[in-house]
């Protein structure tokens, strides 16, 4: 796959859909090939695969049909049992992207997260992440648990979970969020297909999606600039004094919004809780502070 600068995304404010369309165009013109994809659901809530299934423009069918060959996913693949894990093993000898959602449970050799039983042996998420992580062309830690530990590694962390970024001894692209927005993951993979690794910030997040804070683009920013603050939940003013983490959380939620751009947390009168930030949830609690 090429590793050149994308000519249409020299600004972090460009529309990521352009990258998706270009990836599809290049695949259709045989300039790039559809790449194999392993999607591992490790120690977490599987919220990121649900988020992907809710994708719009492009939707998940478009993503799976036109962009990637998803060979393995714990939840949505047709095969079951040993046949499913055999598909996982087959992909290891090809060029593929590894997407991991959920943290890596390490206690008792990962026994707190079992993804398969193969030839009488339990296969843990920890073992599967190691097997695929060593061979993948790219590794993407999807969601806050995979990126930073998140709720799965929150105190007291009885399963001794850790982020994929900290677990694997290799480069890992972080795409945090609880869950991650479907356009963040589809856009990241589209960039990889057409241009290789996207430009990353110092925490290995794609600048395209994590280049500015929520506060920078918030629809209530004008209230903050004028020093007008909400006093209780439901007030229309800036929620900074209620504990909003928008000033320290980098995502483009105010622009992308959620559920086909219907709404987003601040638009629904709740402070940002910093779910895409390092330290969530422990360092963000309590989520509302008067």
C-alpha atoms as a PDB file:
ATOM      1  CA  UNK A   1       0.000   0.000   0.000  1.00  0.00           C
ATOM      2  CA  UNK A   2       1.258   3.494  -0.754  1.00  0.00           C
ATOM      3  CA  UNK A   3       2.638   5.691   1.955  1.00  0.00           C
ATOM      4  CA  UNK A   4       2.341   9.181   0.505  1.00  0.00           C
ATOM      5  CA  UNK A   5       0.736  12.361   1.722  1.00  0.00           C
ATOM      6  CA  UNK A   6      -2.949  12.712   1.035  1.00  0.00           C
ATOM      7  CA  UNK A   7      -3.470  15.761  -1.251  1.00  0.00           C
ATOM      8  CA  UNK A   8      -6.993  16.445  -0.017  1.00  0.00           C
ATOM      9  CA  UNK A   9      -6.483  16.325   3.742  1.00  0.00           C
ATOM     10  CA  UNK A  10      -3.715  18.812   4.342  1.00  0.00           C
ATOM     11  CA  UNK A  11      -6.118  20.423   6.811  1.00  0.00           C
ATOM     12  CA  UNK A  12      -7.573  18.559   9.762  1.00  0.00           C
ATOM     13  CA  UNK A  13     -10.902  20.216   9.004  1.00  0.00           C
ATOM     14  CA  UNK A  14     -11.418  18.501   5.617  1.00  0.00           C
ATOM     15  CA  UNK A  15     -14.283  16.045   5.315  1.00  0.00           C
ATOM     16  CA  UNK A  16     -13.042  12.466   5.975  1.00  0.00           C
ATOM     17  CA  UNK A  17     -15.680  11.136   3.555  1.00  0.00           C
ATOM     18  CA  UNK A  18     -13.394  12.341   0.760  1.00  0.00           C
ATOM     19  CA  UNK A  19     -10.798   9.845   1.926  1.00  0.00           C
ATOM     20  CA  UNK A  20     -13.350   7.026   1.959  1.00  0.00           C
ATOM     21  CA  UNK A  21     -14.501   7.844  -1.574  1.00  0.00           C
ATOM     22  CA  UNK A  22     -10.923   7.976  -2.802  1.00  0.00           C
ATOM     23  CA  UNK A  23     -10.143   4.604  -1.215  1.00  0.00           C
ATOM     24  CA  UNK A  24     -13.153   3.041  -2.973  1.00  0.00           C
ATOM     25  CA  UNK A  25     -12.179   4.671  -6.274  1.00  0.00           C
ATOM     26  CA  UNK A  26      -8.629   3.351  -6.022  1.00  0.00           C
ATOM     27  CA  UNK A  27      -9.867  -0.152  -5.213  1.00  0.00           C
ATOM     28  CA  UNK A  28     -12.319  -0.104  -8.136  1.00  0.00           C
ATOM     29  CA  UNK A  29      -9.551   1.053 -10.478  1.00  0.00           C
ATOM     30  CA  UNK A  30      -7.233  -1.660  -9.131  1.00  0.00           C
ATOM     31  CA  UNK A  31      -4.816   0.943  -7.799  1.00  0.00           C
ATOM     32  CA  UNK A  32      -5.236  -0.518  -4.327  1.00  0.00           C
ATOM     33  CA  UNK A  33      -6.563  -3.848  -3.153  1.00  0.00           C
ATOM     34  CA  UNK A  34      -9.055  -4.644  -0.450  1.00  0.00           C
ATOM     35  CA  UNK A  35      -7.085  -5.587   2.620  1.00  0.00           C
ATOM     36  CA  UNK A  36      -7.935  -8.364   5.050  1.00  0.00           C
ATOM     37  CA  UNK A  37      -9.160  -7.311   8.463  1.00  0.00           C
ATOM     38  CA  UNK A  38      -9.208  -9.058  11.840  1.00  0.00           C
ATOM     39  CA  UNK A  39     -11.501  -7.402  14.368  1.00  0.00           C
ATOM     40  CA  UNK A  40     -10.892  -8.754  17.851  1.00  0.00           C
ATOM     41  CA  UNK A  41     -13.304  -8.024  20.687  1.00  0.00           C
ATOM     42  CA  UNK A  42     -11.168  -8.317  23.791  1.00  0.00           C
ATOM     43  CA  UNK A  43     -12.025  -7.301  27.375  1.00  0.00           C
ATOM     44  CA  UNK A  44     -14.754  -4.707  26.919  1.00  0.00           C
ATOM     45  CA  UNK A  45     -18.427  -4.144  26.166  1.00  0.00           C
ATOM     46  CA  UNK A  46     -18.298  -4.657  22.367  1.00  0.00           C
ATOM     47  CA  UNK A  47     -19.620  -1.111  22.002  1.00  0.00           C
ATOM     48  CA  UNK A  48     -17.301  -0.327  19.097  1.00  0.00           C
ATOM     49  CA  UNK A  49     -18.589  -3.071  16.824  1.00  0.00           C
ATOM     50  CA  UNK A  50     -22.099  -1.849  17.659  1.00  0.00           C
ATOM     51  CA  UNK A  51     -21.001   1.680  16.762  1.00  0.00           C
ATOM     52  CA  UNK A  52     -19.662   0.400  13.437  1.00  0.00           C
ATOM     53  CA  UNK A  53     -22.983  -1.333  12.716  1.00  0.00           C
ATOM     54  CA  UNK A  54     -24.678   2.047  13.205  1.00  0.00           C
ATOM     55  CA  UNK A  55     -22.417   3.731  10.647  1.00  0.00           C
ATOM     56  CA  UNK A  56     -23.944   6.039   8.047  1.00  0.00           C
ATOM     57  CA  UNK A  57     -22.360   7.645   4.995  1.00  0.00           C
ATOM     58  CA  UNK A  58     -20.809   5.205   4.410  1.00  0.00           C
ATOM     59  CA  UNK A  59     -22.727   2.465   6.169  1.00  0.00           C
ATOM     60  CA  UNK A  60     -21.271  -0.802   7.404  1.00  0.00           C
ATOM     61  CA  UNK A  61     -22.426  -2.761   4.331  1.00  0.00           C
ATOM     62  CA  UNK A  62     -20.545  -0.355   2.088  1.00  0.00           C
ATOM     63  CA  UNK A  63     -17.493  -0.603   4.332  1.00  0.00           C
ATOM     64  CA  UNK A  64     -17.469  -4.405   4.389  1.00  0.00           C
ATOM     65  CA  UNK A  65     -18.388  -4.875   0.738  1.00  0.00           C
ATOM     66  CA  UNK A  66     -16.198  -2.218  -0.878  1.00  0.00           C
ATOM     67  CA  UNK A  67     -13.255  -1.498   1.411  1.00  0.00           C
ATOM     68  CA  UNK A  68     -12.098  -4.494   3.458  1.00  0.00           C
ATOM     69  CA  UNK A  69     -12.330  -8.247   3.737  1.00  0.00           C
ATOM     70  CA  UNK A  70     -13.384  -8.705   7.354  1.00  0.00           C
ATOM     71  CA  UNK A  71     -12.238 -12.257   7.913  1.00  0.00           C
ATOM     72  CA  UNK A  72     -12.791 -12.460  11.657  1.00  0.00           C
ATOM     73  CA  UNK A  73     -14.981 -10.782  14.238  1.00  0.00           C
ATOM     74  CA  UNK A  74     -16.228 -12.358  17.439  1.00  0.00           C
ATOM     75  CA  UNK A  75     -19.803 -11.153  16.949  1.00  0.00           C
ATOM     76  CA  UNK A  76     -20.800 -10.749  13.320  1.00  0.00           C
ATOM     77  CA  UNK A  77     -18.974 -13.468  11.351  1.00  0.00           C
ATOM     78  CA  UNK A  78     -21.012 -16.385  10.012  1.00  0.00           C
ATOM     79  CA  UNK A  79     -18.724 -19.162  11.228  1.00  0.00           C
ATOM     80  CA  UNK A  80     -18.855 -20.424  14.789  1.00  0.00           C
ATOM     81  CA  UNK A  81     -16.650 -22.438  17.132  1.00  0.00           C
ATOM     82  CA  UNK A  82     -13.449 -23.947  15.760  1.00  0.00           C
ATOM     83  CA  UNK A  83     -14.305 -22.969  12.185  1.00  0.00           C
ATOM     84  CA  UNK A  84     -14.374 -19.333  13.251  1.00  0.00           C
ATOM     85  CA  UNK A  85     -10.950 -19.524  14.882  1.00  0.00           C
ATOM     86  CA  UNK A  86      -9.559 -21.343  11.845  1.00  0.00           C
ATOM     87  CA  UNK A  87     -10.506 -18.264   9.816  1.00  0.00           C
ATOM     88  CA  UNK A  88      -8.497 -16.194  12.283  1.00  0.00           C
ATOM     89  CA  UNK A  89      -5.466 -18.462  11.845  1.00  0.00           C
ATOM     90  CA  UNK A  90      -5.718 -18.361   8.046  1.00  0.00           C
ATOM     91  CA  UNK A  91      -5.495 -14.569   7.984  1.00  0.00           C
ATOM     92  CA  UNK A  92      -2.215 -14.548   9.933  1.00  0.00           C
ATOM     93  CA  UNK A  93      -0.337 -15.591   6.790  1.00  0.00           C
ATOM     94  CA  UNK A  94      -1.723 -12.699   4.725  1.00  0.00           C
ATOM     95  CA  UNK A  95      -1.395  -8.912   4.705  1.00  0.00           C
ATOM     96  CA  UNK A  96      -3.963  -7.617   7.167  1.00  0.00           C
ATOM     97  CA  UNK A  97      -5.007  -4.885   9.567  1.00  0.00           C
ATOM     98  CA  UNK A  98      -5.679  -5.837  13.179  1.00  0.00           C
ATOM     99  CA  UNK A  99      -8.394  -3.879  14.947  1.00  0.00           C
ATOM    100  CA  UNK A 100      -8.736  -4.562  18.668  1.00  0.00           C
ATOM    101  CA  UNK A 101     -11.545  -3.203  20.777  1.00  0.00           C
ATOM    102  CA  UNK A 102     -11.436  -3.726  24.505  1.00  0.00           C
ATOM    103  CA  UNK A 103      -8.461  -3.878  26.822  1.00  0.00           C
ATOM    104  CA  UNK A 104      -6.172  -6.889  27.175  1.00  0.00           C
ATOM    105  CA  UNK A 105      -6.880  -8.883  30.322  1.00  0.00           C
ATOM    106  CA  UNK A 106      -3.542 -10.235  31.604  1.00  0.00           C
ATOM    107  CA  UNK A 107      -4.382 -11.836  34.975  1.00  0.00           C
ATOM    108  CA  UNK A 108      -4.027 -15.631  35.044  1.00  0.00           C
ATOM    109  CA  UNK A 109      -2.585 -15.533  31.517  1.00  0.00           C
ATOM    110  CA  UNK A 110      -5.618 -13.734  30.184  1.00  0.00           C
ATOM    111  CA  UNK A 111      -8.201 -16.245  31.378  1.00  0.00           C
ATOM    112  CA  UNK A 112     -10.696 -13.485  32.204  1.00  0.00           C
ATOM    113  CA  UNK A 113     -11.318 -12.981  28.493  1.00  0.00           C
ATOM    114  CA  UNK A 114     -11.702 -16.158  26.407  1.00  0.00           C
ATOM    115  CA  UNK A 115     -12.569 -15.763  22.719  1.00  0.00           C
ATOM    116  CA  UNK A 116     -12.429 -19.366  21.470  1.00  0.00           C
ATOM    117  CA  UNK A 117     -11.928 -23.021  22.241  1.00  0.00           C
ATOM    118  CA  UNK A 118      -9.700 -24.664  19.649  1.00  0.00           C
ATOM    119  CA  UNK A 119      -8.702 -28.332  19.681  1.00  0.00           C
ATOM    120  CA  UNK A 120      -9.576 -28.547  23.353  1.00  0.00           C
ATOM    121  CA  UNK A 121      -7.609 -25.463  24.332  1.00  0.00           C
ATOM    122  CA  UNK A 122      -9.045 -22.163  25.532  1.00  0.00           C
ATOM    123  CA  UNK A 123      -7.826 -19.222  23.449  1.00  0.00           C
ATOM    124  CA  UNK A 124      -7.690 -16.008  25.429  1.00  0.00           C
ATOM    125  CA  UNK A 125      -7.997 -12.513  24.055  1.00  0.00           C
ATOM    126  CA  UNK A 126      -4.459 -11.874  25.294  1.00  0.00           C
ATOM    127  CA  UNK A 127      -3.113 -14.782  23.263  1.00  0.00           C
ATOM    128  CA  UNK A 128      -5.039 -13.784  20.138  1.00  0.00           C
ATOM    129  CA  UNK A 129      -3.835 -10.170  20.357  1.00  0.00           C
ATOM    130  CA  UNK A 130      -0.249 -11.411  20.639  1.00  0.00           C
ATOM    131  CA  UNK A 131      -0.602 -13.804  17.717  1.00  0.00           C
ATOM    132  CA  UNK A 132      -2.160 -11.271  15.362  1.00  0.00           C
ATOM    133  CA  UNK A 133      -0.286  -8.251  16.722  1.00  0.00           C
ATOM    134  CA  UNK A 134       3.072  -9.718  15.745  1.00  0.00           C
ATOM    135  CA  UNK A 135       2.069 -10.186  12.105  1.00  0.00           C
ATOM    136  CA  UNK A 136      -0.383  -7.378  11.304  1.00  0.00           C
ATOM    137  CA  UNK A 137       0.701  -4.650   8.885  1.00  0.00           C
ATOM    138  CA  UNK A 138      -1.140  -2.129  11.055  1.00  0.00           C
ATOM    139  CA  UNK A 139      -2.635  -2.408  14.527  1.00  0.00           C
ATOM    140  CA  UNK A 140      -5.506  -0.144  15.529  1.00  0.00           C
ATOM    141  CA  UNK A 141      -6.576   0.158  19.166  1.00  0.00           C
ATOM    142  CA  UNK A 142     -10.239   1.042  18.783  1.00  0.00           C
ATOM    143  CA  UNK A 143     -12.148   2.639  21.626  1.00  0.00           C
ATOM    144  CA  UNK A 144     -10.965   3.897  24.991  1.00  0.00           C
ATOM    145  CA  UNK A 145     -10.350   0.481  26.560  1.00  0.00           C
ATOM    146  CA  UNK A 146      -8.026  -0.618  23.753  1.00  0.00           C
ATOM    147  CA  UNK A 147      -6.396   2.811  23.505  1.00  0.00           C
ATOM    148  CA  UNK A 148      -5.902   3.705  27.168  1.00  0.00           C
ATOM    149  CA  UNK A 149      -7.355   0.904  29.339  1.00  0.00           C
ATOM    150  CA  UNK A 150     -10.677   2.689  29.797  1.00  0.00           C
ATOM    151  CA  UNK A 151     -13.463   1.226  31.952  1.00  0.00           C
ATOM    152  CA  UNK A 152     -12.012  -2.276  31.588  1.00  0.00           C
ATOM    153  CA  UNK A 153      -8.820  -1.221  33.385  1.00  0.00           C
ATOM    154  CA  UNK A 154     -10.534   1.141  35.823  1.00  0.00           C
ATOM    155  CA  UNK A 155      -9.721   0.842  39.522  1.00  0.00           C
ATOM    156  CA  UNK A 156      -9.432  -1.691  41.113  1.00  0.00           C
ATOM    157  CA  UNK A 157      -8.835  -3.511  37.799  1.00  0.00           C
ATOM    158  CA  UNK A 158      -9.297  -7.094  39.050  1.00  0.00           C
ATOM    159  CA  UNK A 159      -8.485  -8.586  35.620  1.00  0.00           C
ATOM    160  CA  UNK A 160      -5.201  -6.622  35.380  1.00  0.00           C
ATOM    161  CA  UNK A 161      -6.294  -5.245  32.024  1.00  0.00           C
ATOM    162  CA  UNK A 162      -4.134  -2.869  30.036  1.00  0.00           C
ATOM    163  CA  UNK A 163      -4.400  -1.040  26.760  1.00  0.00           C
ATOM    164  CA  UNK A 164      -3.353  -2.646  23.492  1.00  0.00           C
ATOM    165  CA  UNK A 165      -0.941   0.275  23.113  1.00  0.00           C
ATOM    166  CA  UNK A 166       0.812  -0.693  26.362  1.00  0.00           C
ATOM    167  CA  UNK A 167       0.522  -4.438  25.813  1.00  0.00           C
ATOM    168  CA  UNK A 168       2.068  -4.822  22.361  1.00  0.00           C
ATOM    169  CA  UNK A 169       5.692  -3.991  21.725  1.00  0.00           C
ATOM    170  CA  UNK A 170       5.062  -2.295  18.394  1.00  0.00           C
ATOM    171  CA  UNK A 171       3.408   0.761  16.860  1.00  0.00           C
ATOM    172  CA  UNK A 172      -0.303   0.953  17.636  1.00  0.00           C
ATOM    173  CA  UNK A 173      -2.662   3.570  16.190  1.00  0.00           C
ATOM    174  CA  UNK A 174      -5.062   4.797  18.860  1.00  0.00           C
ATOM    175  CA  UNK A 175      -8.652   5.604  17.857  1.00  0.00           C
ATOM    176  CA  UNK A 176     -10.220   6.277  21.279  1.00  0.00           C
ATOM    177  CA  UNK A 177     -13.816   6.977  22.275  1.00  0.00           C
ATOM    178  CA  UNK A 178     -16.402   5.171  24.350  1.00  0.00           C
ATOM    179  CA  UNK A 179     -17.364   4.054  21.799  1.00  0.00           C
ATOM    180  CA  UNK A 180     -15.341   5.330  18.882  1.00  0.00           C
ATOM    181  CA  UNK A 181     -17.352   7.137  16.232  1.00  0.00           C
ATOM    182  CA  UNK A 182     -17.838   4.916  13.149  1.00  0.00           C
ATOM    183  CA  UNK A 183     -16.365   7.583  10.869  1.00  0.00           C
ATOM    184  CA  UNK A 184     -13.189   7.668  12.945  1.00  0.00           C
ATOM    185  CA  UNK A 185     -12.468   3.998  12.330  1.00  0.00           C
ATOM    186  CA  UNK A 186     -13.704   3.865   8.730  1.00  0.00           C
ATOM    187  CA  UNK A 187     -11.800   7.058   7.919  1.00  0.00           C
ATOM    188  CA  UNK A 188      -8.598   5.741   9.505  1.00  0.00           C
ATOM    189  CA  UNK A 189      -8.775   2.496   7.530  1.00  0.00           C
ATOM    190  CA  UNK A 190      -9.623   4.370   4.315  1.00  0.00           C
ATOM    191  CA  UNK A 191      -6.508   6.510   4.804  1.00  0.00           C
ATOM    192  CA  UNK A 192      -4.389   3.403   5.340  1.00  0.00           C
ATOM    193  CA  UNK A 193      -5.724   1.851   2.134  1.00  0.00           C
ATOM    194  CA  UNK A 194      -4.946   4.885  -0.017  1.00  0.00           C
ATOM    195  CA  UNK A 195      -2.012   6.593   1.673  1.00  0.00           C
ATOM    196  CA  UNK A 196      -0.681   4.390   4.457  1.00  0.00           C
ATOM    197  CA  UNK A 197      -0.536   5.470   8.079  1.00  0.00           C
ATOM    198  CA  UNK A 198      -2.305   8.770   8.774  1.00  0.00           C
ATOM    199  CA  UNK A 199      -0.482  11.614  10.486  1.00  0.00           C
ATOM    200  CA  UNK A 200      -0.560  10.935  14.216  1.00  0.00           C
ATOM    201  CA  UNK A 201      -0.254  13.190  17.249  1.00  0.00           C
ATOM    202  CA  UNK A 202       2.071  12.561  20.181  1.00  0.00           C
ATOM    203  CA  UNK A 203      -0.396   9.994  21.592  1.00  0.00           C
ATOM    204  CA  UNK A 204      -0.571   8.115  18.259  1.00  0.00           C
ATOM    205  CA  UNK A 205      -4.064   9.352  17.410  1.00  0.00           C
ATOM    206  CA  UNK A 206      -4.983  10.405  13.841  1.00  0.00           C
ATOM    207  CA  UNK A 207      -4.810  14.207  13.785  1.00  0.00           C
ATOM    208  CA  UNK A 208      -7.618  14.145  11.246  1.00  0.00           C
ATOM    209  CA  UNK A 209     -10.086  13.250  14.022  1.00  0.00           C
ATOM    210  CA  UNK A 210      -8.232  14.244  17.188  1.00  0.00           C
ATOM    211  CA  UNK A 211      -6.532  17.458  16.104  1.00  0.00           C
ATOM    212  CA  UNK A 212      -8.650  19.961  18.034  1.00  0.00           C
ATOM    213  CA  UNK A 213     -10.581  19.893  21.303  1.00  0.00           C
ATOM    214  CA  UNK A 214     -14.331  19.588  21.645  1.00  0.00           C
ATOM    215  CA  UNK A 215     -14.164  23.017  23.277  1.00  0.00           C
ATOM    216  CA  UNK A 216     -12.700  24.544  20.099  1.00  0.00           C
ATOM    217  CA  UNK A 217     -15.767  23.602  18.046  1.00  0.00           C
ATOM    218  CA  UNK A 218     -18.481  23.498  20.716  1.00  0.00           C
ATOM    219  CA  UNK A 219     -21.810  25.123  19.895  1.00  0.00           C
ATOM    220  CA  UNK A 220     -21.730  26.743  23.369  1.00  0.00           C
ATOM    221  CA  UNK A 221     -18.245  28.231  22.972  1.00  0.00           C
ATOM    222  CA  UNK A 222     -19.600  31.779  22.652  1.00  0.00           C
ATOM    223  CA  UNK A 223     -21.036  31.536  26.180  1.00  0.00           C
ATOM    224  CA  UNK A 224     -17.620  30.502  27.503  1.00  0.00           C
ATOM    225  CA  UNK A 225     -15.921  33.407  25.748  1.00  0.00           C
ATOM    226  CA  UNK A 226     -18.386  35.801  27.397  1.00  0.00           C
ATOM    227  CA  UNK A 227     -18.026  34.161  30.823  1.00  0.00           C
ATOM    228  CA  UNK A 228     -21.633  32.950  30.918  1.00  0.00           C
ATOM    229  CA  UNK A 229     -21.932  29.514  32.551  1.00  0.00           C
ATOM    230  CA  UNK A 230     -24.727  27.039  33.232  1.00  0.00           C
ATOM    231  CA  UNK A 231     -25.621  26.671  36.905  1.00  0.00           C
ATOM    232  CA  UNK A 232     -27.481  23.387  36.598  1.00  0.00           C
ATOM    233  CA  UNK A 233     -28.073  20.616  34.069  1.00  0.00           C
ATOM    234  CA  UNK A 234     -30.540  21.764  31.453  1.00  0.00           C
ATOM    235  CA  UNK A 235     -29.297  25.356  31.306  1.00  0.00           C
ATOM    236  CA  UNK A 236     -28.380  26.461  27.789  1.00  0.00           C
ATOM    237  CA  UNK A 237     -25.078  28.146  28.681  1.00  0.00           C
ATOM    238  CA  UNK A 238     -21.533  26.730  28.756  1.00  0.00           C
ATOM    239  CA  UNK A 239     -21.239  23.723  31.074  1.00  0.00           C
ATOM    240  CA  UNK A 240     -17.571  24.243  31.967  1.00  0.00           C
ATOM    241  CA  UNK A 241     -18.436  24.937  35.630  1.00  0.00           C
ATOM    242  CA  UNK A 242     -20.521  21.761  35.740  1.00  0.00           C
ATOM    243  CA  UNK A 243     -17.402  19.752  34.965  1.00  0.00           C
ATOM    244  CA  UNK A 244     -17.476  19.585  31.159  1.00  0.00           C
ATOM    245  CA  UNK A 245     -14.253  17.957  29.886  1.00  0.00           C
ATOM    246  CA  UNK A 246     -14.563  19.456  26.416  1.00  0.00           C
ATOM    247  CA  UNK A 247     -11.556  21.789  26.917  1.00  0.00           C
ATOM    248  CA  UNK A 248      -9.221  18.833  27.542  1.00  0.00           C
ATOM    249  CA  UNK A 249     -10.729  16.239  25.181  1.00  0.00           C
ATOM    250  CA  UNK A 250      -9.702  16.067  21.537  1.00  0.00           C
ATOM    251  CA  UNK A 251     -12.345  14.773  19.102  1.00  0.00           C
ATOM    252  CA  UNK A 252     -14.596  16.247  16.449  1.00  0.00           C
ATOM    253  CA  UNK A 253     -17.849  15.219  18.180  1.00  0.00           C
ATOM    254  CA  UNK A 254     -19.441  18.690  17.690  1.00  0.00           C
ATOM    255  CA  UNK A 255     -19.115  18.261  13.913  1.00  0.00           C
ATOM    256  CA  UNK A 256     -19.642  14.509  13.478  1.00  0.00           C
ATOM    257  CA  UNK A 257     -22.286  14.181  16.192  1.00  0.00           C
ATOM    258  CA  UNK A 258     -23.854  10.726  16.728  1.00  0.00           C
ATOM    259  CA  UNK A 259     -26.623   8.453  15.418  1.00  0.00           C
ATOM    260  CA  UNK A 260     -26.424   9.755  11.853  1.00  0.00           C
ATOM    261  CA  UNK A 261     -25.550  13.251  13.148  1.00  0.00           C
ATOM    262  CA  UNK A 262     -28.818  13.553  15.093  1.00  0.00           C
ATOM    263  CA  UNK A 263     -27.280  14.764  18.357  1.00  0.00           C
ATOM    264  CA  UNK A 264     -24.293  14.659  20.701  1.00  0.00           C
ATOM    265  CA  UNK A 265     -23.854  14.855  24.502  1.00  0.00           C
ATOM    266  CA  UNK A 266     -23.588  18.629  24.896  1.00  0.00           C
ATOM    267  CA  UNK A 267     -26.402  19.108  22.398  1.00  0.00           C
ATOM    268  CA  UNK A 268     -28.443  16.874  24.686  1.00  0.00           C
ATOM    269  CA  UNK A 269     -27.637  19.003  27.765  1.00  0.00           C
ATOM    270  CA  UNK A 270     -25.020  16.823  29.400  1.00  0.00           C
ATOM    271  CA  UNK A 271     -21.357  17.763  29.944  1.00  0.00           C
ATOM    272  CA  UNK A 272     -18.651  16.008  27.970  1.00  0.00           C
ATOM    273  CA  UNK A 273     -17.236  13.314  30.260  1.00  0.00           C
ATOM    274  CA  UNK A 274     -13.941  12.994  28.383  1.00  0.00           C
ATOM    275  CA  UNK A 275     -14.517   9.422  27.235  1.00  0.00           C
ATOM    276  CA  UNK A 276     -11.944   9.722  24.430  1.00  0.00           C
ATOM    277  CA  UNK A 277      -9.220  10.985  26.744  1.00  0.00           C
ATOM    278  CA  UNK A 278      -6.439   9.232  28.621  1.00  0.00           C
ATOM    279  CA  UNK A 279      -7.511   8.545  32.205  1.00  0.00           C
ATOM    280  CA  UNK A 280     -11.182   7.916  31.488  1.00  0.00           C
ATOM    281  CA  UNK A 281     -13.107   7.058  33.594  1.00  0.00           C
ATOM    282  CA  UNK A 282     -11.116   7.232  36.853  1.00  0.00           C
ATOM    283  CA  UNK A 283      -9.642  10.704  36.438  1.00  0.00           C
ATOM    284  CA  UNK A 284     -12.877  12.121  35.040  1.00  0.00           C
ATOM    285  CA  UNK A 285     -15.144  11.210  37.956  1.00  0.00           C
ATOM    286  CA  UNK A 286     -17.446  12.581  39.208  1.00  0.00           C
ATOM    287  CA  UNK A 287     -18.773  13.392  35.751  1.00  0.00           C
ATOM    288  CA  UNK A 288     -20.781  16.385  36.986  1.00  0.00           C
ATOM    289  CA  UNK A 289     -19.082  18.867  39.320  1.00  0.00           C
ATOM    290  CA  UNK A 290     -20.844  21.914  40.670  1.00  0.00           C
END
